[in-house]
C-alpha cells in the first residue's frame, strides 16, 4: 500500500468513526453531561423511569383477565373473566404477569390480621386504591409507577419531581428539623455511602398503597432507599420496608431504573387530579352526568351511588 493510499484509508476510517459516534449520540439522545458532579458524587440528574410490573403487584403473579374479575363458566380463579367495570376495555384491562421484585423468598411478611386486610383491599380495588383517586403515591410507589420522574441534584438537596399527581419530594443531604406532621410522601433525609445515595424516609401517614394488589402499610412505615449507579444510564434501586404494625420483619424490593435518553426527555403535565373529578365527585351531582356508553358490541349503563352517612367520607379516606 502506498503512503498516499494509507493516508486516505486512515482519513476515511476517522470520518466513518465520527459519523457513527454522531449517529449513536442522536439515537440514544445522550447529551454532554459529566459523570460526576463538582463535589465528586455520581451525577444522577435527569429523567428516569422504571420498566416493570411492580405497580400492579410487587410480588410474583400470573397474568389475569383484568384488575377486577368474576367467575366465568368454571368456578376457578384461573378461569375468571373481566368484571363489568373493565369488560369494555378488552386487552387494555389485562394485568401482566411478573416474576416480582420482592427479594429473598418473594413473600411480604404480613401479620395474620394484616394479611386479611390486604386480601380485602385487593377484592375492593376500585373503591380503595388511592391511585384511582389520583392521591399522592407515597414512597416507594412513586418510583416504579409507569411514568417518568426527574431528579435535580445539588450539593445539599436532591429534588425528585414525579409525573403522577404532580408529586414531589426533597431529599435533604444537610441537617433539617423534623416535619410538623406526617405526610403522604414522607420526610426524606439522604447521605452518600460511596457512590450509593442512601435515603431514610419516615413520617408517613397511612393513606398510600405499595401497588394495585392491595399491599399497604400503617403510619409506622419506615423506608430506607438505596440508589446505586450501574452505569451512566441505569441505577439499581432498593427499598427496605419496615412497619411493626403490619409486617413481622423488614423486607426489601429491588429493581433497575433507566435514564430516559430522548434528547427532549422531560416530565410533562399529567392532570389526573382534573381527570378524576367525575370518578370522585360525580355521584354527588343532582343530575348524573355519566349514565350510558354504547359501542358496536356492548352497552354499559352506570348507576352512581352515594354511601350513607359516615361511609361517604370514609370512602374518600380509603
C-alpha atoms as a PDB file:
ATOM      1  CA  UNK A   1       0.000   0.000   0.000  1.00  0.00           C
ATOM      2  CA  UNK A   2       1.412   3.414  -0.984  1.00  0.00           C
ATOM      3  CA  UNK A   3       1.796   6.218   1.522  1.00  0.00           C
ATOM      4  CA  UNK A   4      -0.970   8.220  -0.220  1.00  0.00           C
ATOM      5  CA  UNK A   5      -3.350   5.237  -0.098  1.00  0.00           C
ATOM      6  CA  UNK A   6      -2.576   4.648   3.598  1.00  0.00           C
ATOM      7  CA  UNK A   7      -3.287   8.262   4.472  1.00  0.00           C
ATOM      8  CA  UNK A   8      -6.578   8.131   2.543  1.00  0.00           C
ATOM      9  CA  UNK A   9      -7.618   4.949   4.380  1.00  0.00           C
ATOM     10  CA  UNK A  10      -6.851   6.494   7.778  1.00  0.00           C
ATOM     11  CA  UNK A  11      -8.824   9.617   6.911  1.00  0.00           C
ATOM     12  CA  UNK A  12     -11.782   7.539   5.700  1.00  0.00           C
ATOM     13  CA  UNK A  13     -11.759   5.495   8.922  1.00  0.00           C
ATOM     14  CA  UNK A  14     -11.717   8.666  11.006  1.00  0.00           C
ATOM     15  CA  UNK A  15     -14.679  10.104   9.091  1.00  0.00           C
ATOM     16  CA  UNK A  16     -16.689   6.872   9.443  1.00  0.00           C
ATOM     17  CA  UNK A  17     -15.910   6.738  13.182  1.00  0.00           C
ATOM     18  CA  UNK A  18     -17.076  10.322  13.616  1.00  0.00           C
ATOM     19  CA  UNK A  19     -20.292   9.624  11.707  1.00  0.00           C
ATOM     20  CA  UNK A  20     -21.007   6.525  13.818  1.00  0.00           C
ATOM     21  CA  UNK A  21     -20.341   8.464  17.020  1.00  0.00           C
ATOM     22  CA  UNK A  22     -22.715  11.242  15.991  1.00  0.00           C
ATOM     23  CA  UNK A  23     -25.347   8.703  14.934  1.00  0.00           C
ATOM     24  CA  UNK A  24     -25.160   6.868  18.260  1.00  0.00           C
ATOM     25  CA  UNK A  25     -25.461  10.161  20.123  1.00  0.00           C
ATOM     26  CA  UNK A  26     -28.541  11.089  18.122  1.00  0.00           C
ATOM     27  CA  UNK A  27     -30.138   7.667  18.526  1.00  0.00           C
ATOM     28  CA  UNK A  28     -29.688   7.496  22.289  1.00  0.00           C
ATOM     29  CA  UNK A  29     -30.381  11.145  22.900  1.00  0.00           C
ATOM     30  CA  UNK A  30     -27.401  11.448  25.206  1.00  0.00           C
ATOM     31  CA  UNK A  31     -26.263  14.967  25.841  1.00  0.00           C
ATOM     32  CA  UNK A  32     -22.880  16.035  27.093  1.00  0.00           C
ATOM     33  CA  UNK A  33     -23.008  15.568  30.851  1.00  0.00           C
ATOM     34  CA  UNK A  34     -20.234  14.899  33.335  1.00  0.00           C
ATOM     35  CA  UNK A  35     -20.269  11.501  35.019  1.00  0.00           C
ATOM     36  CA  UNK A  36     -19.759  13.223  38.361  1.00  0.00           C
ATOM     37  CA  UNK A  37     -20.758  16.467  39.956  1.00  0.00           C
ATOM     38  CA  UNK A  38     -18.294  19.171  41.042  1.00  0.00           C
ATOM     39  CA  UNK A  39     -18.080  17.593  44.522  1.00  0.00           C
ATOM     40  CA  UNK A  40     -17.238  14.162  43.062  1.00  0.00           C
ATOM     41  CA  UNK A  41     -20.611  12.450  43.545  1.00  0.00           C
ATOM     42  CA  UNK A  42     -22.281  10.401  40.789  1.00  0.00           C
ATOM     43  CA  UNK A  43     -24.347  12.683  38.561  1.00  0.00           C
ATOM     44  CA  UNK A  44     -27.877  11.298  38.738  1.00  0.00           C
ATOM     45  CA  UNK A  45     -29.674  14.394  37.496  1.00  0.00           C
ATOM     46  CA  UNK A  46     -32.012  13.615  34.624  1.00  0.00           C
ATOM     47  CA  UNK A  47     -35.299  11.944  33.754  1.00  0.00           C
ATOM     48  CA  UNK A  48     -35.681   8.326  34.870  1.00  0.00           C
ATOM     49  CA  UNK A  49     -38.268   5.557  34.683  1.00  0.00           C
ATOM     50  CA  UNK A  50     -38.759   2.021  35.981  1.00  0.00           C
ATOM     51  CA  UNK A  51     -39.767  -0.603  33.417  1.00  0.00           C
ATOM     52  CA  UNK A  52     -41.521  -3.456  35.190  1.00  0.00           C
ATOM     53  CA  UNK A  53     -44.878  -4.617  36.547  1.00  0.00           C
ATOM     54  CA  UNK A  54     -44.299  -3.638  40.188  1.00  0.00           C
ATOM     55  CA  UNK A  55     -47.124  -1.102  40.246  1.00  0.00           C
ATOM     56  CA  UNK A  56     -49.552  -3.945  39.539  1.00  0.00           C
ATOM     57  CA  UNK A  57     -48.151  -6.192  42.264  1.00  0.00           C
ATOM     58  CA  UNK A  58     -44.755  -6.200  43.983  1.00  0.00           C
ATOM     59  CA  UNK A  59     -44.894  -9.975  44.316  1.00  0.00           C
ATOM     60  CA  UNK A  60     -44.652 -12.580  41.559  1.00  0.00           C
ATOM     61  CA  UNK A  61     -48.034 -13.115  39.930  1.00  0.00           C
ATOM     62  CA  UNK A  62     -49.668 -14.656  36.873  1.00  0.00           C
ATOM     63  CA  UNK A  63     -51.309 -12.573  34.191  1.00  0.00           C
ATOM     64  CA  UNK A  64     -55.056 -12.288  34.683  1.00  0.00           C
ATOM     65  CA  UNK A  65     -58.038 -11.142  32.679  1.00  0.00           C
ATOM     66  CA  UNK A  66     -58.472  -7.832  34.441  1.00  0.00           C
ATOM     67  CA  UNK A  67     -57.826  -5.789  37.553  1.00  0.00           C
ATOM     68  CA  UNK A  68     -61.402  -6.678  38.527  1.00  0.00           C
ATOM     69  CA  UNK A  69     -62.615 -10.183  37.652  1.00  0.00           C
ATOM     70  CA  UNK A  70     -65.502 -12.516  38.391  1.00  0.00           C
ATOM     71  CA  UNK A  71     -66.203 -16.219  37.967  1.00  0.00           C
ATOM     72  CA  UNK A  72     -66.799 -17.337  34.397  1.00  0.00           C
ATOM     73  CA  UNK A  73     -68.083 -20.705  33.228  1.00  0.00           C
ATOM     74  CA  UNK A  74     -65.919 -22.532  35.753  1.00  0.00           C
ATOM     75  CA  UNK A  75     -65.537 -21.507  39.428  1.00  0.00           C
ATOM     76  CA  UNK A  76     -61.735 -21.465  39.364  1.00  0.00           C
ATOM     77  CA  UNK A  77     -59.603 -18.375  39.764  1.00  0.00           C
ATOM     78  CA  UNK A  78     -57.553 -19.102  36.634  1.00  0.00           C
ATOM     79  CA  UNK A  79     -60.783 -19.208  34.610  1.00  0.00           C
ATOM     80  CA  UNK A  80     -62.099 -15.855  35.855  1.00  0.00           C
ATOM     81  CA  UNK A  81     -63.326 -13.312  33.295  1.00  0.00           C
ATOM     82  CA  UNK A  82     -63.242  -9.489  33.382  1.00  0.00           C
ATOM     83  CA  UNK A  83     -65.906  -7.989  35.633  1.00  0.00           C
ATOM     84  CA  UNK A  84     -68.314  -5.338  34.375  1.00  0.00           C
ATOM     85  CA  UNK A  85     -66.209  -2.236  35.247  1.00  0.00           C
ATOM     86  CA  UNK A  86     -63.371  -3.285  32.910  1.00  0.00           C
ATOM     87  CA  UNK A  87     -65.082  -5.568  30.378  1.00  0.00           C
ATOM     88  CA  UNK A  88     -65.268  -2.935  27.629  1.00  0.00           C
ATOM     89  CA  UNK A  89     -61.510  -2.299  27.847  1.00  0.00           C
ATOM     90  CA  UNK A  90     -60.612  -5.685  26.349  1.00  0.00           C
ATOM     91  CA  UNK A  91     -56.875  -6.383  26.332  1.00  0.00           C
ATOM     92  CA  UNK A  92     -56.149  -2.939  27.811  1.00  0.00           C
ATOM     93  CA  UNK A  93     -57.558  -4.215  31.129  1.00  0.00           C
ATOM     94  CA  UNK A  94     -55.332  -7.309  31.305  1.00  0.00           C
ATOM     95  CA  UNK A  95     -52.948  -7.475  34.269  1.00  0.00           C
ATOM     96  CA  UNK A  96     -49.479  -8.518  33.031  1.00  0.00           C
ATOM     97  CA  UNK A  97     -47.646 -11.281  34.859  1.00  0.00           C
ATOM     98  CA  UNK A  98     -44.383 -10.678  36.695  1.00  0.00           C
ATOM     99  CA  UNK A  99     -41.562 -12.505  38.431  1.00  0.00           C
ATOM    100  CA  UNK A 100     -41.838  -9.922  41.224  1.00  0.00           C
ATOM    101  CA  UNK A 101     -39.388  -7.510  42.851  1.00  0.00           C
ATOM    102  CA  UNK A 102     -39.572  -8.680  46.488  1.00  0.00           C
ATOM    103  CA  UNK A 103     -36.168 -10.034  47.462  1.00  0.00           C
ATOM    104  CA  UNK A 104     -35.435 -13.261  49.337  1.00  0.00           C
ATOM    105  CA  UNK A 105     -38.329 -15.712  49.251  1.00  0.00           C
ATOM    106  CA  UNK A 106     -40.528 -13.237  47.347  1.00  0.00           C
ATOM    107  CA  UNK A 107     -43.101 -13.029  50.140  1.00  0.00           C
ATOM    108  CA  UNK A 108     -44.286  -9.936  52.004  1.00  0.00           C
ATOM    109  CA  UNK A 109     -44.249 -10.882  55.727  1.00  0.00           C
ATOM    110  CA  UNK A 110     -47.680  -9.720  56.840  1.00  0.00           C
ATOM    111  CA  UNK A 111     -49.083 -10.368  60.281  1.00  0.00           C
ATOM    112  CA  UNK A 112     -52.182 -12.579  60.222  1.00  0.00           C
ATOM    113  CA  UNK A 113     -54.598  -9.652  60.641  1.00  0.00           C
ATOM    114  CA  UNK A 114     -52.791  -7.513  58.073  1.00  0.00           C
ATOM    115  CA  UNK A 115     -52.874 -10.342  55.521  1.00  0.00           C
ATOM    116  CA  UNK A 116     -56.676 -10.394  55.804  1.00  0.00           C
ATOM    117  CA  UNK A 117     -56.845  -6.645  55.204  1.00  0.00           C
ATOM    118  CA  UNK A 118     -54.539  -6.976  52.181  1.00  0.00           C
ATOM    119  CA  UNK A 119     -56.908  -9.555  50.688  1.00  0.00           C
ATOM    120  CA  UNK A 120     -59.878  -7.256  51.343  1.00  0.00           C
ATOM    121  CA  UNK A 121     -58.035  -4.381  49.665  1.00  0.00           C
ATOM    122  CA  UNK A 122     -57.411  -6.465  46.557  1.00  0.00           C
ATOM    123  CA  UNK A 123     -61.057  -7.518  46.372  1.00  0.00           C
ATOM    124  CA  UNK A 124     -62.176  -3.877  46.661  1.00  0.00           C
ATOM    125  CA  UNK A 125     -59.529  -2.355  44.394  1.00  0.00           C
ATOM    126  CA  UNK A 126     -61.757   0.200  42.645  1.00  0.00           C
ATOM    127  CA  UNK A 127     -63.026   1.661  45.917  1.00  0.00           C
ATOM    128  CA  UNK A 128     -59.778   1.550  47.874  1.00  0.00           C
ATOM    129  CA  UNK A 129     -56.682   2.061  45.726  1.00  0.00           C
ATOM    130  CA  UNK A 130     -55.577   5.697  46.241  1.00  0.00           C
ATOM    131  CA  UNK A 131     -54.031   5.678  42.744  1.00  0.00           C
ATOM    132  CA  UNK A 132     -57.507   5.628  41.162  1.00  0.00           C
ATOM    133  CA  UNK A 133     -58.365   8.807  43.066  1.00  0.00           C
ATOM    134  CA  UNK A 134     -55.097  10.482  41.990  1.00  0.00           C
ATOM    135  CA  UNK A 135     -53.942  10.811  45.584  1.00  0.00           C
ATOM    136  CA  UNK A 136     -50.213  11.227  46.167  1.00  0.00           C
ATOM    137  CA  UNK A 137     -48.485   7.868  45.566  1.00  0.00           C
ATOM    138  CA  UNK A 138     -46.071   7.785  48.500  1.00  0.00           C
ATOM    139  CA  UNK A 139     -42.633   6.204  48.711  1.00  0.00           C
ATOM    140  CA  UNK A 140     -41.555   3.783  47.325  1.00  0.00           C
ATOM    141  CA  UNK A 141     -44.540   3.518  44.928  1.00  0.00           C
ATOM    142  CA  UNK A 142     -43.813   6.840  43.190  1.00  0.00           C
ATOM    143  CA  UNK A 143     -40.526   5.369  41.946  1.00  0.00           C
ATOM    144  CA  UNK A 144     -41.954   2.428  39.983  1.00  0.00           C
ATOM    145  CA  UNK A 145     -45.242   3.805  38.719  1.00  0.00           C
ATOM    146  CA  UNK A 146     -45.267   3.619  34.889  1.00  0.00           C
ATOM    147  CA  UNK A 147     -44.366   7.276  34.410  1.00  0.00           C
ATOM    148  CA  UNK A 148     -41.093   9.214  34.185  1.00  0.00           C
ATOM    149  CA  UNK A 149     -39.750  11.239  37.095  1.00  0.00           C
ATOM    150  CA  UNK A 150     -36.987  13.818  37.236  1.00  0.00           C
ATOM    151  CA  UNK A 151     -34.024  14.116  39.583  1.00  0.00           C
ATOM    152  CA  UNK A 152     -32.428  17.524  40.137  1.00  0.00           C
ATOM    153  CA  UNK A 153     -29.224  17.210  42.143  1.00  0.00           C
ATOM    154  CA  UNK A 154     -27.280  19.792  44.121  1.00  0.00           C
ATOM    155  CA  UNK A 155     -24.663  19.596  46.848  1.00  0.00           C
ATOM    156  CA  UNK A 156     -27.097  19.656  49.807  1.00  0.00           C
ATOM    157  CA  UNK A 157     -30.532  18.895  48.307  1.00  0.00           C
ATOM    158  CA  UNK A 158     -31.917  16.463  45.747  1.00  0.00           C
ATOM    159  CA  UNK A 159     -35.339  17.198  44.289  1.00  0.00           C
ATOM    160  CA  UNK A 160     -37.482  14.449  42.768  1.00  0.00           C
ATOM    161  CA  UNK A 161     -40.434  15.500  40.598  1.00  0.00           C
ATOM    162  CA  UNK A 162     -42.931  12.801  39.648  1.00  0.00           C
ATOM    163  CA  UNK A 163     -45.386  12.767  36.751  1.00  0.00           C
ATOM    164  CA  UNK A 164     -48.245  11.231  38.725  1.00  0.00           C
ATOM    165  CA  UNK A 165     -50.415  13.641  40.744  1.00  0.00           C
ATOM    166  CA  UNK A 166     -47.788  16.411  40.490  1.00  0.00           C
ATOM    167  CA  UNK A 167     -45.983  14.693  43.349  1.00  0.00           C
ATOM    168  CA  UNK A 168     -42.563  15.850  44.504  1.00  0.00           C
ATOM    169  CA  UNK A 169     -40.176  15.461  47.401  1.00  0.00           C
ATOM    170  CA  UNK A 170     -36.943  16.983  48.637  1.00  0.00           C
ATOM    171  CA  UNK A 171     -34.151  14.715  49.856  1.00  0.00           C
ATOM    172  CA  UNK A 172     -32.198  16.683  52.445  1.00  0.00           C
ATOM    173  CA  UNK A 173     -28.464  15.989  52.450  1.00  0.00           C
ATOM    174  CA  UNK A 174     -27.955  18.562  55.204  1.00  0.00           C
ATOM    175  CA  UNK A 175     -29.354  18.727  58.714  1.00  0.00           C
ATOM    176  CA  UNK A 176     -33.002  19.830  58.895  1.00  0.00           C
ATOM    177  CA  UNK A 177     -35.722  19.760  61.527  1.00  0.00           C
ATOM    178  CA  UNK A 178     -38.318  17.005  61.516  1.00  0.00           C
ATOM    179  CA  UNK A 179     -41.599  17.891  59.779  1.00  0.00           C
ATOM    180  CA  UNK A 180     -44.550  19.144  61.885  1.00  0.00           C
ATOM    181  CA  UNK A 181     -46.862  16.342  60.709  1.00  0.00           C
ATOM    182  CA  UNK A 182     -46.984  13.037  58.843  1.00  0.00           C
ATOM    183  CA  UNK A 183     -47.479  13.248  55.074  1.00  0.00           C
ATOM    184  CA  UNK A 184     -48.252  11.132  52.013  1.00  0.00           C
ATOM    185  CA  UNK A 185     -44.688  11.359  50.655  1.00  0.00           C
ATOM    186  CA  UNK A 186     -42.886  11.170  53.986  1.00  0.00           C
ATOM    187  CA  UNK A 187     -39.774  13.055  55.076  1.00  0.00           C
ATOM    188  CA  UNK A 188     -36.558  12.179  53.198  1.00  0.00           C
ATOM    189  CA  UNK A 189     -33.056  12.563  54.630  1.00  0.00           C
ATOM    190  CA  UNK A 190     -30.154  11.396  52.453  1.00  0.00           C
ATOM    191  CA  UNK A 191     -26.451  10.709  52.592  1.00  0.00           C
ATOM    192  CA  UNK A 192     -23.821   9.334  50.241  1.00  0.00           C
ATOM    193  CA  UNK A 193     -22.296   5.945  51.045  1.00  0.00           C
ATOM    194  CA  UNK A 194     -19.527   5.853  48.466  1.00  0.00           C
ATOM    195  CA  UNK A 195     -21.367   6.054  45.127  1.00  0.00           C
ATOM    196  CA  UNK A 196     -24.714   4.989  46.635  1.00  0.00           C
ATOM    197  CA  UNK A 197     -27.330   7.539  47.630  1.00  0.00           C
ATOM    198  CA  UNK A 198     -28.992   6.272  50.824  1.00  0.00           C
ATOM    199  CA  UNK A 199     -32.315   7.893  51.734  1.00  0.00           C
ATOM    200  CA  UNK A 200     -34.066   7.436  55.073  1.00  0.00           C
ATOM    201  CA  UNK A 201     -37.796   8.158  54.708  1.00  0.00           C
ATOM    202  CA  UNK A 202     -40.128   8.492  57.698  1.00  0.00           C
ATOM    203  CA  UNK A 203     -43.140  10.492  58.982  1.00  0.00           C
ATOM    204  CA  UNK A 204     -45.679   8.841  56.667  1.00  0.00           C
ATOM    205  CA  UNK A 205     -49.424   8.833  57.067  1.00  0.00           C
ATOM    206  CA  UNK A 206     -51.267   5.544  56.474  1.00  0.00           C
ATOM    207  CA  UNK A 207     -53.047   6.539  53.246  1.00  0.00           C
ATOM    208  CA  UNK A 208     -50.854   5.126  50.476  1.00  0.00           C
ATOM    209  CA  UNK A 209     -50.538   1.656  48.970  1.00  0.00           C
ATOM    210  CA  UNK A 210     -47.469  -0.060  47.545  1.00  0.00           C
ATOM    211  CA  UNK A 211     -49.266  -1.318  44.393  1.00  0.00           C
ATOM    212  CA  UNK A 212     -52.622  -2.174  42.812  1.00  0.00           C
ATOM    213  CA  UNK A 213     -52.724  -5.539  44.580  1.00  0.00           C
ATOM    214  CA  UNK A 214     -53.743  -4.019  47.908  1.00  0.00           C
ATOM    215  CA  UNK A 215     -50.345  -4.139  49.623  1.00  0.00           C
ATOM    216  CA  UNK A 216     -50.472  -1.462  52.324  1.00  0.00           C
ATOM    217  CA  UNK A 217     -48.852  -0.039  55.453  1.00  0.00           C
ATOM    218  CA  UNK A 218     -49.643   1.922  58.596  1.00  0.00           C
ATOM    219  CA  UNK A 219     -48.344   5.284  59.802  1.00  0.00           C
ATOM    220  CA  UNK A 220     -45.422   3.418  61.389  1.00  0.00           C
ATOM    221  CA  UNK A 221     -43.871   2.897  57.935  1.00  0.00           C
ATOM    222  CA  UNK A 222     -40.122   3.412  57.658  1.00  0.00           C
ATOM    223  CA  UNK A 223     -38.333   3.102  54.298  1.00  0.00           C
ATOM    224  CA  UNK A 224     -34.609   3.088  53.536  1.00  0.00           C
ATOM    225  CA  UNK A 225     -33.844   3.574  49.842  1.00  0.00           C
ATOM    226  CA  UNK A 226     -30.571   2.975  48.014  1.00  0.00           C
ATOM    227  CA  UNK A 227     -29.813   4.418  44.554  1.00  0.00           C
ATOM    228  CA  UNK A 228     -26.634   2.844  43.152  1.00  0.00           C
ATOM    229  CA  UNK A 229     -25.307   3.624  39.654  1.00  0.00           C
ATOM    230  CA  UNK A 230     -24.992   0.573  37.404  1.00  0.00           C
ATOM    231  CA  UNK A 231     -23.674   2.735  34.593  1.00  0.00           C
ATOM    232  CA  UNK A 232     -24.280   6.288  33.356  1.00  0.00           C
ATOM    233  CA  UNK A 233     -27.853   5.465  32.309  1.00  0.00           C
ATOM    234  CA  UNK A 234     -29.080   2.916  34.858  1.00  0.00           C
ATOM    235  CA  UNK A 235     -29.482   2.820  38.631  1.00  0.00           C
ATOM    236  CA  UNK A 236     -30.141  -0.096  40.955  1.00  0.00           C
ATOM    237  CA  UNK A 237     -32.988   0.904  43.245  1.00  0.00           C
ATOM    238  CA  UNK A 238     -33.539  -0.860  46.551  1.00  0.00           C
ATOM    239  CA  UNK A 239     -36.066  -0.060  49.257  1.00  0.00           C
ATOM    240  CA  UNK A 240     -36.144  -1.785  52.625  1.00  0.00           C
ATOM    241  CA  UNK A 241     -39.580  -1.525  54.220  1.00  0.00           C
ATOM    242  CA  UNK A 242     -40.315  -1.745  57.922  1.00  0.00           C
ATOM    243  CA  UNK A 243     -43.664  -1.374  59.708  1.00  0.00           C
ATOM    244  CA  UNK A 244     -44.133  -3.034  63.082  1.00  0.00           C
ATOM    245  CA  UNK A 245     -47.923  -2.671  62.874  1.00  0.00           C
ATOM    246  CA  UNK A 246     -48.267  -4.560  59.598  1.00  0.00           C
ATOM    247  CA  UNK A 247     -45.185  -6.738  58.954  1.00  0.00           C
ATOM    248  CA  UNK A 248     -43.420  -9.329  61.070  1.00  0.00           C
ATOM    249  CA  UNK A 249     -39.985  -8.254  59.822  1.00  0.00           C
ATOM    250  CA  UNK A 250     -38.355  -5.830  57.367  1.00  0.00           C
ATOM    251  CA  UNK A 251     -38.397  -6.753  53.667  1.00  0.00           C
ATOM    252  CA  UNK A 252     -36.744  -5.382  50.551  1.00  0.00           C
ATOM    253  CA  UNK A 253     -37.659  -4.696  46.941  1.00  0.00           C
ATOM    254  CA  UNK A 254     -35.073  -4.121  44.192  1.00  0.00           C
ATOM    255  CA  UNK A 255     -35.165  -3.174  40.510  1.00  0.00           C
ATOM    256  CA  UNK A 256     -33.230  -1.236  37.860  1.00  0.00           C
ATOM    257  CA  UNK A 257     -34.282   2.290  36.913  1.00  0.00           C
ATOM    258  CA  UNK A 258     -33.344   3.634  33.492  1.00  0.00           C
ATOM    259  CA  UNK A 259     -32.482   7.092  32.248  1.00  0.00           C
ATOM    260  CA  UNK A 260     -34.796   8.371  29.519  1.00  0.00           C
ATOM    261  CA  UNK A 261     -32.420   9.002  26.645  1.00  0.00           C
ATOM    262  CA  UNK A 262     -34.566  11.109  24.350  1.00  0.00           C
ATOM    263  CA  UNK A 263     -32.870  14.430  23.690  1.00  0.00           C
ATOM    264  CA  UNK A 264     -36.047  16.214  24.793  1.00  0.00           C
ATOM    265  CA  UNK A 265     -36.945  13.951  27.735  1.00  0.00           C
ATOM    266  CA  UNK A 266     -38.946  15.818  30.351  1.00  0.00           C
ATOM    267  CA  UNK A 267     -41.739  15.403  32.868  1.00  0.00           C
ATOM    268  CA  UNK A 268     -44.909  16.655  31.191  1.00  0.00           C
ATOM    269  CA  UNK A 269     -48.125  17.856  32.762  1.00  0.00           C
ATOM    270  CA  UNK A 270     -50.362  14.931  33.725  1.00  0.00           C
ATOM    271  CA  UNK A 271     -53.602  16.453  35.073  1.00  0.00           C
ATOM    272  CA  UNK A 272     -55.028  13.321  36.665  1.00  0.00           C
ATOM    273  CA  UNK A 273     -56.414  15.439  39.503  1.00  0.00           C
ATOM    274  CA  UNK A 274     -58.724  17.137  36.998  1.00  0.00           C
ATOM    275  CA  UNK A 275     -59.453  13.924  35.112  1.00  0.00           C
ATOM    276  CA  UNK A 276     -60.578  12.023  38.228  1.00  0.00           C
ATOM    277  CA  UNK A 277     -63.088  14.628  39.396  1.00  0.00           C
ATOM    278  CA  UNK A 278     -66.023  12.769  37.834  1.00  0.00           C
ATOM    279  CA  UNK A 279     -64.903   9.499  39.439  1.00  0.00           C
ATOM    280  CA  UNK A 280     -64.514  11.159  42.833  1.00  0.00           C
ATOM    281  CA  UNK A 281     -67.466  13.516  42.901  1.00  0.00           C
ATOM    282  CA  UNK A 282     -69.808  12.518  40.069  1.00  0.00           C
ATOM    283  CA  UNK A 283     -72.095  10.623  42.422  1.00  0.00           C
ATOM    284  CA  UNK A 284     -72.774  13.897  44.276  1.00  0.00           C
ATOM    285  CA  UNK A 285     -74.322  15.645  41.253  1.00  0.00           C
ATOM    286  CA  UNK A 286     -78.038  16.429  41.371  1.00  0.00           C
ATOM    287  CA  UNK A 287     -78.268  15.159  37.803  1.00  0.00           C
ATOM    288  CA  UNK A 288     -75.989  12.221  36.961  1.00  0.00           C
ATOM    289  CA  UNK A 289     -73.689  13.180  34.083  1.00  0.00           C
ATOM    290  CA  UNK A 290     -72.167   9.856  33.014  1.00  0.00           C
ATOM    291  CA  UNK A 291     -75.025   7.388  32.570  1.00  0.00           C
ATOM    292  CA  UNK A 292     -74.582   5.321  29.435  1.00  0.00           C
ATOM    293  CA  UNK A 293     -71.937   4.274  26.927  1.00  0.00           C
ATOM    294  CA  UNK A 294     -72.562   2.202  23.822  1.00  0.00           C
ATOM    295  CA  UNK A 295     -70.210   0.618  21.302  1.00  0.00           C
ATOM    296  CA  UNK A 296     -70.782  -1.787  18.441  1.00  0.00           C
ATOM    297  CA  UNK A 297     -70.888  -4.920  20.613  1.00  0.00           C
ATOM    298  CA  UNK A 298     -71.502  -3.695  24.142  1.00  0.00           C
ATOM    299  CA  UNK A 299     -73.603  -1.144  26.023  1.00  0.00           C
ATOM    300  CA  UNK A 300     -72.804  -0.073  29.576  1.00  0.00           C
ATOM    301  CA  UNK A 301     -75.274   1.553  31.974  1.00  0.00           C
ATOM    302  CA  UNK A 302     -73.890   3.247  35.056  1.00  0.00           C
ATOM    303  CA  UNK A 303     -75.738   3.943  38.288  1.00  0.00           C
ATOM    304  CA  UNK A 304     -73.831   6.083  40.776  1.00  0.00           C
ATOM    305  CA  UNK A 305     -74.364   5.502  44.499  1.00  0.00           C
ATOM    306  CA  UNK A 306     -73.928   7.820  47.465  1.00  0.00           C
ATOM    307  CA  UNK A 307     -72.857   5.832  50.537  1.00  0.00           C
ATOM    308  CA  UNK A 308     -74.963   6.708  53.571  1.00  0.00           C
ATOM    309  CA  UNK A 309     -73.746   8.840  56.452  1.00  0.00           C
ATOM    310  CA  UNK A 310     -70.142   8.482  57.502  1.00  0.00           C
ATOM    311  CA  UNK A 311     -69.471   5.866  54.833  1.00  0.00           C
ATOM    312  CA  UNK A 312     -69.402   8.654  52.250  1.00  0.00           C
ATOM    313  CA  UNK A 313     -66.479  10.339  53.981  1.00  0.00           C
ATOM    314  CA  UNK A 314     -64.778   7.045  54.768  1.00  0.00           C
ATOM    315  CA  UNK A 315     -64.706   6.222  51.033  1.00  0.00           C
ATOM    316  CA  UNK A 316     -62.505   9.247  50.338  1.00  0.00           C
ATOM    317  CA  UNK A 317     -60.117   8.236  53.101  1.00  0.00           C
ATOM    318  CA  UNK A 318     -59.609   4.638  51.999  1.00  0.00           C
END
